Amino acid sequence: MYSGVCSCVSLVNKGRNVDKRVPPYLSGVKILHDPVRNKGTAYTEAERDALNLRGLLPPRVHSIAEQELRVLGNIRAKPTDLERYLYLIALQDRNENLFYRVIMNNIEDMMPLIYTPTVGRACQAFQHIFRKPRGFYITLQDKGRIREILTNWPHKDVRVIVVTDGERILGLGDLGADGMGIPIGKLSLYTACAGIYPTQCLPVMLDVGTNNEKLLNDPLYNGLERRRVRGKAYDELFAEFIAAATDAFPGVMIQLEDFANINAFRLLDQYRNDVCLFDDDIQGTGAVAVAGIIAAMRITGGELAEQNLLFLGAGEAAIGIADVFVAALKAEG
């Protein structure tokens, strides 16, 4: 476990380069509707002529720095963090270049908006704020054809998948399909902080139902209207997903996110030695916590073996930290 996460992550940025060229069929209104390539008013005069954009944009050319100023002004004018989140997601849906420019240049201010804590509130209200689909949904109804439907995803060089079943979203419990905001937000951070190209990231929701009565009784809920499936049916769906994902996207790294304890540990143990897979809540939390301890010891001095750790409870985070700490002790000798 100690080195497994690092080995997976190191694979992500290897291999084929991303082709950033504009396909010949993308021009005019079509390119303005493509969030990966749309630059809004930043298109130069020459680009406007070459891409048939003349007349489709306001006449003044704005640099991306000027566009960023407009975005920041709009964000600051919003009265709540949830509205700021919605504004940023709308920006991501129309102009990813500008979205990531804003995030990367203002990372301390933006991280709490696109991920915790604001993303938790967004997931709780997801059925009411839903505007445009993002990510990939796999349900019990897709059993037997997951590999087939993965071909519907438009980007073929996927290197990182963050998948959840929505059962333990942050500290908020079972949010079912409304937990999709977590994989979306996590992968946005991977692009902004780790430089993984957006088209190489795939957020996935495994919708196996929900036991959240409030959602089941909400006519606007976007997920399956049924209680969670357990046992053999769940395991078969998950196994088919792993097989389909690794076949469709060879070498992909799969990150398990916000699975309940009942599934997180056993799925990690079952698949970790066969595919490039890790559990963020167990291994990711453990790696960060132990890294913090090691960093602190550069100031305090001493050895890992001399440290005493106190855990409150035995959840995924606590056990993950303990496992990585023990692995670090072994590595230290």
Protein backbone atom coordinates (compact mmCIF):
# COMPACT_ATOMS: atom_id res chain seq x y z
CA MET A 1 0.00 0.00 0.00
CA TYR A 2 2.84 2.40 0.82
CA SER A 3 4.21 2.47 -2.71
CA GLY A 4 1.12 1.34 -4.62
CA VAL A 5 -0.50 4.76 -4.84
CA CYS A 6 2.70 6.39 -6.07
CA SER A 7 3.13 3.68 -8.70
CA CYS A 8 -0.40 4.26 -9.99
CA VAL A 9 -0.04 8.03 -10.09
CA SER A 10 3.27 7.88 -11.93
CA LEU A 11 1.57 6.03 -14.78
CA VAL A 12 -0.94 8.78 -15.47
CA ASN A 13 1.38 11.22 -17.20
CA LYS A 14 3.24 8.59 -19.22
CA GLY A 15 2.43 7.50 -22.74
CA ARG A 16 0.74 9.35 -25.55
CA ASN A 17 0.76 13.13 -25.79
CA VAL A 18 -2.55 14.98 -25.94
CA ASP A 19 -3.52 16.22 -29.40
CA LYS A 20 -4.63 19.82 -28.83
CA ARG A 21 -5.16 20.68 -32.49
CA VAL A 22 -8.58 21.88 -33.61
CA PRO A 23 -10.27 19.21 -35.76
CA PRO A 24 -11.21 20.50 -39.23
CA TYR A 25 -14.93 19.86 -38.60
CA LEU A 26 -14.91 22.19 -35.58
CA SER A 27 -15.52 25.77 -36.60
CA GLY A 28 -18.10 28.48 -36.23
CA VAL A 29 -20.78 27.86 -33.62
CA LYS A 30 -19.57 24.28 -33.08
CA ILE A 31 -16.21 25.33 -31.66
CA LEU A 32 -17.89 27.90 -29.41
CA HIS A 33 -19.97 25.04 -27.98
CA ASP A 34 -16.91 22.85 -27.36
CA PRO A 35 -15.71 23.64 -23.81
CA VAL A 36 -12.32 22.03 -24.42
CA ARG A 37 -11.43 24.35 -27.33
CA ASN A 38 -13.67 27.38 -26.85
CA LYS A 39 -11.74 30.56 -26.02
CA GLY A 40 -14.65 32.98 -26.05
CA THR A 41 -13.62 36.56 -26.83
CA ALA A 42 -9.92 35.59 -26.67
CA TYR A 43 -9.87 34.43 -30.30
CA THR A 44 -7.53 36.63 -32.31
CA GLU A 45 -8.58 38.37 -35.52
CA ALA A 46 -6.76 35.72 -37.55
CA GLU A 47 -8.40 32.88 -35.62
CA ARG A 48 -11.83 34.40 -36.08
CA ASP A 49 -11.33 34.37 -39.85
CA ALA A 50 -9.78 30.90 -39.96
CA LEU A 51 -12.46 29.32 -37.76
CA ASN A 52 -15.47 31.12 -39.27
CA LEU A 53 -16.13 33.04 -36.07
CA ARG A 54 -16.44 36.47 -37.63
CA GLY A 55 -19.75 37.97 -36.51
CA LEU A 56 -20.36 35.29 -33.88
CA LEU A 57 -18.41 37.12 -31.16
CA PRO A 58 -18.33 40.70 -29.88
CA PRO A 59 -15.71 42.61 -31.91
CA ARG A 60 -13.18 43.35 -29.17
CA VAL A 61 -10.49 40.73 -28.55
CA HIS A 62 -9.85 40.16 -24.85
CA SER A 63 -6.79 38.39 -23.51
CA ILE A 64 -7.34 35.45 -21.19
CA ALA A 65 -6.00 37.65 -18.37
CA GLU A 66 -8.79 40.14 -19.05
CA GLN A 67 -11.33 37.33 -19.17
CA GLU A 68 -10.03 36.13 -15.81
CA LEU A 69 -10.67 39.57 -14.29
CA ARG A 70 -14.28 39.41 -15.47
CA VAL A 71 -14.73 35.95 -13.96
CA LEU A 72 -13.24 36.97 -10.62
CA GLY A 73 -15.51 40.01 -10.50
CA ASN A 74 -18.56 37.85 -11.13
CA ILE A 75 -17.51 35.32 -8.49
CA ARG A 76 -17.05 38.02 -5.87
CA ALA A 77 -20.46 39.46 -6.68
CA LYS A 78 -22.23 36.18 -5.84
CA PRO A 79 -23.86 36.19 -2.38
CA THR A 80 -23.17 32.53 -1.43
CA ASP A 81 -20.51 29.90 -2.02
CA LEU A 82 -23.09 27.62 -3.65
CA GLU A 83 -23.85 30.31 -6.23
CA ARG A 84 -20.11 30.76 -6.78
CA TYR A 85 -19.85 27.00 -7.32
CA LEU A 86 -22.67 27.09 -9.87
CA TYR A 87 -21.01 29.96 -11.71
CA LEU A 88 -17.70 28.10 -11.88
CA ILE A 89 -19.32 24.88 -13.09
CA ALA A 90 -21.13 26.84 -15.81
CA LEU A 91 -17.77 28.33 -16.81
CA GLN A 92 -16.23 24.86 -16.91
CA ASP A 93 -19.06 23.73 -19.19
CA ARG A 94 -18.37 26.45 -21.75
CA ASN A 95 -14.64 27.34 -21.51
CA GLU A 96 -12.31 24.92 -19.73
CA ASN A 97 -9.19 26.89 -20.60
CA LEU A 98 -10.50 29.92 -18.74
CA PHE A 99 -11.91 27.81 -15.91
CA TYR A 100 -8.55 26.22 -15.17
CA ARG A 101 -6.72 29.52 -15.60
CA VAL A 102 -8.91 31.00 -12.85
CA ILE A 103 -8.51 27.96 -10.59
CA MET A 104 -4.73 27.69 -11.00
CA ASN A 105 -4.07 31.40 -10.49
CA ASN A 106 -6.35 31.61 -7.45
CA ILE A 107 -6.00 28.13 -6.00
CA GLU A 108 -6.44 29.01 -2.31
CA ASP A 109 -9.68 30.88 -2.97
CA MET A 110 -11.07 28.45 -5.55
CA MET A 111 -10.37 25.04 -3.98
CA PRO A 112 -13.04 25.46 -1.26
CA LEU A 113 -15.52 26.36 -4.00
CA ILE A 114 -14.95 23.54 -6.48
CA TYR A 115 -14.34 20.89 -3.80
CA THR A 116 -14.89 20.68 -0.06
CA PRO A 117 -16.80 22.15 1.64
CA THR A 118 -18.95 23.70 -1.10
CA VAL A 119 -19.18 20.57 -3.25
CA GLY A 120 -20.91 18.83 -0.34
CA ARG A 121 -23.68 21.40 -0.32
CA ALA A 122 -23.88 21.14 -4.10
CA CYS A 123 -24.34 17.36 -3.89
CA GLN A 124 -27.08 17.76 -1.29
CA ALA A 125 -28.94 20.07 -3.66
CA PHE A 126 -27.86 18.33 -6.88
CA GLN A 127 -31.32 17.28 -7.98
CA HIS A 128 -32.48 20.89 -7.80
CA ILE A 129 -29.44 22.65 -9.29
CA PHE A 130 -28.81 20.15 -12.12
CA ARG A 131 -28.23 22.00 -15.40
CA LYS A 132 -26.02 19.99 -17.72
CA PRO A 133 -24.77 16.40 -17.54
CA ARG A 134 -21.09 15.92 -16.77
CA GLY A 135 -19.38 12.61 -16.14
CA PHE A 136 -20.57 9.07 -16.90
CA TYR A 137 -23.43 7.18 -15.23
CA ILE A 138 -23.50 3.39 -15.03
CA THR A 139 -26.54 1.73 -13.47
CA LEU A 140 -27.89 -1.71 -12.68
CA GLN A 141 -29.86 -1.44 -15.90
CA ASP A 142 -26.58 -1.41 -17.84
CA LYS A 143 -25.44 -4.80 -16.57
CA GLY A 144 -24.11 -6.89 -19.44
CA ARG A 145 -23.37 -3.92 -21.70
CA ILE A 146 -21.06 -1.60 -19.76
CA ARG A 147 -18.22 -2.05 -22.26
CA GLU A 148 -20.60 -1.17 -25.07
CA ILE A 149 -21.92 2.02 -23.48
CA LEU A 150 -18.42 3.22 -22.56
CA THR A 151 -17.94 3.85 -26.27
CA ASN A 152 -20.44 6.71 -25.85
CA TRP A 153 -17.81 8.67 -23.95
CA PRO A 154 -16.35 11.11 -26.50
CA HIS A 155 -12.73 11.07 -25.30
CA LYS A 156 -10.79 7.87 -25.93
CA ASP A 157 -7.48 8.54 -24.14
CA VAL A 158 -8.80 8.36 -20.58
CA ARG A 159 -5.99 7.97 -18.06
CA VAL A 160 -7.76 8.59 -14.72
CA ILE A 161 -11.19 7.46 -13.55
CA VAL A 162 -12.65 8.60 -10.24
CA VAL A 163 -15.63 6.39 -9.41
CA THR A 164 -18.14 6.45 -6.57
CA ASP A 165 -21.40 4.71 -5.76
CA GLY A 166 -22.54 7.70 -3.72
CA GLU A 167 -23.07 5.80 -0.47
CA ARG A 168 -20.72 7.75 1.79
CA ILE A 169 -20.34 11.22 0.32
CA LEU A 170 -17.96 13.17 2.55
CA GLY A 171 -19.60 13.21 5.99
CA LEU A 172 -23.07 13.54 4.49
CA GLY A 173 -24.00 9.89 4.04
CA ASP A 174 -25.91 8.28 1.19
CA LEU A 175 -26.56 10.79 -1.59
CA GLY A 176 -26.97 8.23 -4.36
CA ALA A 177 -26.49 9.56 -7.88
CA ASP A 178 -26.38 13.10 -6.50
CA GLY A 179 -22.85 12.32 -5.32
CA MET A 180 -21.54 12.78 -8.87
CA GLY A 181 -20.20 16.19 -7.84
CA ILE A 182 -17.42 14.46 -5.90
CA PRO A 183 -15.69 12.69 -8.85
CA ILE A 184 -16.17 15.81 -10.98
CA GLY A 185 -14.63 18.07 -8.35
CA LYS A 186 -11.77 15.72 -7.53
CA LEU A 187 -10.74 15.42 -11.17
CA SER A 188 -10.93 19.20 -11.60
CA LEU A 189 -8.33 19.43 -8.84
CA TYR A 190 -6.16 16.82 -10.57
CA THR A 191 -6.14 18.94 -13.70
CA ALA A 192 -5.51 22.21 -11.86
CA CYS A 193 -2.92 20.88 -9.41
CA ALA A 194 -1.33 17.92 -11.23
CA GLY A 195 -1.62 18.99 -14.86
CA ILE A 196 -3.64 15.99 -16.04
CA TYR A 197 -5.39 17.03 -19.25
CA PRO A 198 -9.19 17.36 -18.80
CA THR A 199 -10.06 14.96 -21.62
CA GLN A 200 -7.96 12.28 -19.91
CA CYS A 201 -10.20 12.42 -16.82
CA LEU A 202 -13.46 10.50 -16.44
CA PRO A 203 -15.83 10.94 -13.47
CA VAL A 204 -18.04 7.86 -13.01
CA MET A 205 -21.14 7.25 -10.92
CA LEU A 206 -22.10 3.63 -10.25
CA ASP A 207 -25.80 4.04 -9.49
CA VAL A 208 -26.97 0.99 -7.55
CA GLY A 209 -29.84 2.81 -5.84
CA THR A 210 -30.04 4.77 -2.60
CA ASN A 211 -31.40 4.22 0.89
CA ASN A 212 -31.93 7.95 1.38
CA GLU A 213 -35.69 8.31 1.88
CA LYS A 214 -35.62 12.03 1.14
CA LEU A 215 -34.14 11.37 -2.29
CA LEU A 216 -36.43 8.45 -3.05
CA ASN A 217 -39.42 10.66 -2.31
CA ASP A 218 -38.12 13.60 -4.35
CA PRO A 219 -39.62 13.69 -7.87
CA LEU A 220 -36.58 15.66 -9.07
CA TYR A 221 -34.01 13.06 -7.94
CA ASN A 222 -31.84 12.09 -10.92
CA GLY A 223 -30.88 8.56 -9.87
CA LEU A 224 -32.53 5.15 -9.86
CA GLU A 225 -35.77 5.09 -7.86
CA ARG A 226 -34.89 2.04 -5.81
CA ARG A 227 -33.10 0.98 -2.66
CA ARG A 228 -29.45 0.03 -2.80
CA VAL A 229 -28.58 -3.38 -4.10
CA ARG A 230 -26.15 -5.50 -2.09
CA GLY A 231 -24.33 -8.78 -2.44
CA LYS A 232 -23.89 -10.69 -5.68
CA ALA A 233 -25.65 -8.19 -7.96
CA TYR A 234 -23.47 -5.34 -6.66
CA ASP A 235 -20.26 -7.33 -6.98
CA GLU A 236 -21.07 -8.47 -10.50
CA LEU A 237 -21.79 -4.92 -11.64
CA PHE A 238 -18.56 -3.63 -10.10
CA ALA A 239 -16.52 -6.46 -11.63
CA GLU A 240 -18.02 -5.76 -15.04
CA PHE A 241 -17.21 -2.07 -14.68
CA ILE A 242 -13.56 -2.78 -13.83
CA ALA A 243 -13.21 -5.18 -16.75
CA ALA A 244 -14.91 -2.79 -19.16
CA ALA A 245 -12.97 0.29 -18.03
CA THR A 246 -9.57 -1.38 -18.24
CA ASP A 247 -10.41 -2.78 -21.67
CA ALA A 248 -11.76 0.51 -23.04
CA PHE A 249 -8.91 2.57 -21.56
CA PRO A 250 -5.74 0.44 -21.25
CA GLY A 251 -3.46 1.57 -18.45
CA VAL A 252 -6.15 3.69 -16.80
CA MET A 253 -5.80 4.49 -13.10
CA ILE A 254 -9.04 3.90 -11.18
CA GLN A 255 -9.64 5.78 -7.95
CA LEU A 256 -12.37 4.61 -5.57
CA GLU A 257 -14.03 7.58 -3.88
CA ASP A 258 -16.53 7.74 -1.02
CA PHE A 259 -17.55 4.08 -0.92
CA ALA A 260 -19.02 2.92 2.39
CA ASN A 261 -16.86 0.81 4.71
CA ILE A 262 -18.89 -2.27 3.83
CA ASN A 263 -17.51 -2.13 0.28
CA ALA A 264 -14.39 0.06 0.33
CA PHE A 265 -11.95 -2.29 2.05
CA ARG A 266 -13.01 -5.50 0.34
CA LEU A 267 -13.08 -3.96 -3.16
CA LEU A 268 -9.62 -2.50 -2.62
CA ASP A 269 -8.26 -5.83 -1.40
CA GLN A 270 -9.90 -7.71 -4.27
CA TYR A 271 -8.66 -5.56 -7.16
CA ARG A 272 -5.54 -3.71 -6.04
CA ASN A 273 -3.12 -6.38 -7.23
CA ASP A 274 -4.81 -6.90 -10.59
CA VAL A 275 -5.43 -3.37 -11.90
CA CYS A 276 -4.05 0.11 -11.26
CA LEU A 277 -6.56 0.98 -8.55
CA PHE A 278 -6.51 2.73 -5.18
CA ASP A 279 -8.98 4.03 -2.61
CA ASP A 280 -8.55 7.71 -1.88
CA ASP A 281 -10.30 7.64 1.49
CA ILE A 282 -8.08 4.81 2.72
CA GLN A 283 -4.75 5.14 0.93
CA GLY A 284 -4.88 8.78 -0.15
CA THR A 285 -5.75 9.99 3.35
CA GLY A 286 -3.14 7.67 4.81
CA ALA A 287 -0.41 8.91 2.48
CA VAL A 288 -1.14 12.57 3.21
CA ALA A 289 -1.34 12.05 6.97
CA VAL A 290 1.91 10.11 7.14
CA ALA A 291 3.59 12.66 4.86
CA GLY A 292 2.54 15.30 7.38
CA ILE A 293 4.09 13.32 10.22
CA ILE A 294 7.34 12.85 8.32
CA ALA A 295 7.45 16.56 7.44
CA ALA A 296 6.85 17.54 11.07
CA MET A 297 9.66 15.26 12.20
CA ARG A 298 12.11 17.28 10.12
CA ILE A 299 11.48 20.02 12.67
CA THR A 300 11.06 17.96 15.84
CA GLY A 301 13.63 15.27 15.04
CA GLY A 302 13.35 11.63 16.07
CA GLU A 303 12.32 8.44 14.33
CA LEU A 304 8.95 7.19 13.13
CA ALA A 305 9.21 4.27 15.52
CA GLU A 306 9.27 6.73 18.44
CA GLN A 307 5.93 8.32 17.53
CA ASN A 308 2.65 7.49 19.28
CA LEU A 309 -0.52 7.77 17.20
CA LEU A 310 -4.02 8.05 18.67
CA PHE A 311 -6.98 7.13 16.44
CA LEU A 312 -10.60 8.03 17.09
CA GLY A 313 -12.65 5.21 15.62
CA ALA A 314 -11.81 2.64 12.97
CA GLY A 315 -13.16 4.13 9.77
CA GLU A 316 -11.55 4.19 6.34
CA ALA A 317 -9.35 7.19 7.15
CA ALA A 318 -8.08 5.88 10.49
CA ILE A 319 -7.31 2.40 9.18
CA GLY A 320 -5.74 3.87 6.06
CA ILE A 321 -3.46 6.10 8.11
CA ALA A 322 -2.51 3.18 10.34
CA ASP A 323 -1.72 0.93 7.37
CA VAL A 324 0.45 3.54 5.63
CA PHE A 325 2.19 4.38 8.91
CA VAL A 326 3.06 0.71 9.46
CA ALA A 327 4.30 0.48 5.86
CA ALA A 328 6.46 3.56 6.46
CA LEU A 329 7.87 1.97 9.62
CA LYS A 330 8.81 -1.14 7.65
CA ALA A 331 10.40 0.96 4.93
CA GLU A 332 12.42 2.82 7.55
CA GLY A 333 13.66 -0.50 8.89
